Amino acid sequence: MVIAYTLIKSESGQDDKVMAVVRRRKEVKEVALTYGAYDLITKIEVESPEALDTFIFDVLARFRK
């Protein structure tokens, strides 16, 4: 089991939308809004480092600014 925390930047005013989409993923165990340079923090649990890479690049990368 691999547990990782990630920080996400979202488009201005899209925080709630991004949070709702990310929260639906089974890999995401927790998600919270933050203030400052990043908009969200997520706790992710996956089976392997490769699964983490896949999740980050296939799912989270689409929210990049």
C-alpha atoms as a PDB file:
ATOM      1  CA  MET A   1       0.000   0.000   0.000  1.00  0.00           C
ATOM      2  CA  VAL A   2       1.291   3.437  -0.975  1.00  0.00           C
ATOM      3  CA  ILE A   3      -0.078   6.553   0.736  1.00  0.00           C
ATOM      4  CA  ALA A   4       0.659   9.952  -0.755  1.00  0.00           C
ATOM      5  CA  TYR A   5      -0.431  13.517  -0.175  1.00  0.00           C
ATOM      6  CA  THR A   6      -0.731  15.756  -3.218  1.00  0.00           C
ATOM      7  CA  LEU A   7      -1.322  19.460  -3.673  1.00  0.00           C
ATOM      8  CA  ILE A   8      -3.528  20.682  -6.506  1.00  0.00           C
ATOM      9  CA  LYS A   9      -3.866  24.097  -8.128  1.00  0.00           C
ATOM     10  CA  SER A  10      -7.175  24.725  -9.837  1.00  0.00           C
ATOM     11  CA  GLU A  11      -8.554  27.443 -12.063  1.00  0.00           C
ATOM     12  CA  SER A  12      -9.896  30.438 -10.197  1.00  0.00           C
ATOM     13  CA  GLY A  13     -13.388  29.764  -8.880  1.00  0.00           C
ATOM     14  CA  GLN A  14     -13.261  26.048  -9.755  1.00  0.00           C
ATOM     15  CA  ASP A  15     -12.122  24.726  -6.362  1.00  0.00           C
ATOM     16  CA  ASP A  16     -15.469  23.178  -5.408  1.00  0.00           C
ATOM     17  CA  LYS A  17     -15.913  21.554  -8.819  1.00  0.00           C
ATOM     18  CA  VAL A  18     -12.423  20.055  -8.783  1.00  0.00           C
ATOM     19  CA  MET A  19     -12.913  18.900  -5.189  1.00  0.00           C
ATOM     20  CA  ALA A  20     -16.179  17.130  -6.098  1.00  0.00           C
ATOM     21  CA  VAL A  21     -14.597  15.344  -9.072  1.00  0.00           C
ATOM     22  CA  VAL A  22     -11.488  14.280  -7.153  1.00  0.00           C
ATOM     23  CA  ARG A  23     -13.505  13.134  -4.126  1.00  0.00           C
ATOM     24  CA  ARG A  24     -15.402  10.579  -6.273  1.00  0.00           C
ATOM     25  CA  ARG A  25     -12.234   8.623  -7.034  1.00  0.00           C
ATOM     26  CA  LYS A  26     -11.752   5.467  -4.947  1.00  0.00           C
ATOM     27  CA  GLU A  27      -8.037   6.224  -4.578  1.00  0.00           C
ATOM     28  CA  VAL A  28      -8.777   9.512  -2.791  1.00  0.00           C
ATOM     29  CA  LYS A  29      -9.321   8.968   0.926  1.00  0.00           C
ATOM     30  CA  GLU A  30      -9.410  12.636   1.980  1.00  0.00           C
ATOM     31  CA  VAL A  31      -9.566  15.997   0.230  1.00  0.00           C
ATOM     32  CA  ALA A  32      -9.578  19.491   1.715  1.00  0.00           C
ATOM     33  CA  LEU A  33      -9.443  23.076   0.523  1.00  0.00           C
ATOM     34  CA  THR A  34      -6.322  25.056   1.360  1.00  0.00           C
ATOM     35  CA  TYR A  35      -5.293  28.688   1.144  1.00  0.00           C
ATOM     36  CA  GLY A  36      -2.119  29.933  -0.452  1.00  0.00           C
ATOM     37  CA  ALA A  37      -0.171  28.690  -3.449  1.00  0.00           C
ATOM     38  CA  TYR A  38      -2.282  25.506  -3.775  1.00  0.00           C
ATOM     39  CA  ASP A  39      -6.045  25.063  -3.654  1.00  0.00           C
ATOM     40  CA  LEU A  40      -6.529  21.456  -2.512  1.00  0.00           C
ATOM     41  CA  ILE A  41      -4.695  18.734  -0.643  1.00  0.00           C
ATOM     42  CA  THR A  42      -5.555  15.082  -1.174  1.00  0.00           C
ATOM     43  CA  LYS A  43      -4.657  11.875   0.598  1.00  0.00           C
ATOM     44  CA  ILE A  44      -4.303   9.060  -1.921  1.00  0.00           C
ATOM     45  CA  GLU A  45      -4.001   5.329  -1.263  1.00  0.00           C
ATOM     46  CA  VAL A  46      -2.968   2.982  -4.066  1.00  0.00           C
ATOM     47  CA  GLU A  47      -1.366  -0.444  -4.318  1.00  0.00           C
ATOM     48  CA  SER A  48       2.006   0.493  -5.827  1.00  0.00           C
ATOM     49  CA  PRO A  49       4.262   3.368  -6.846  1.00  0.00           C
ATOM     50  CA  GLU A  50       3.304   2.639 -10.461  1.00  0.00           C
ATOM     51  CA  ALA A  51      -0.392   2.992  -9.598  1.00  0.00           C
ATOM     52  CA  LEU A  52       0.405   6.329  -7.947  1.00  0.00           C
ATOM     53  CA  ASP A  53       2.176   7.533 -11.089  1.00  0.00           C
ATOM     54  CA  THR A  54      -0.792   6.477 -13.204  1.00  0.00           C
ATOM     55  CA  PHE A  55      -3.253   8.233 -10.917  1.00  0.00           C
ATOM     56  CA  ILE A  56      -1.261  11.452 -10.810  1.00  0.00           C
ATOM     57  CA  PHE A  57      -0.576  11.639 -14.543  1.00  0.00           C
ATOM     58  CA  ASP A  58      -3.944  10.338 -15.791  1.00  0.00           C
ATOM     59  CA  VAL A  59      -6.297  11.896 -13.239  1.00  0.00           C
ATOM     60  CA  LEU A  60      -4.758  14.789 -11.340  1.00  0.00           C
ATOM     61  CA  ALA A  61      -2.720  16.253 -14.184  1.00  0.00           C
ATOM     62  CA  ARG A  62      -5.880  17.326 -15.992  1.00  0.00           C
ATOM     63  CA  PHE A  63      -6.515  19.897 -13.239  1.00  0.00           C
ATOM     64  CA  ARG A  64      -3.196  21.644 -13.780  1.00  0.00           C
ATOM     65  CA  LYS A  65      -3.283  25.348 -14.393  1.00  0.00           C
END
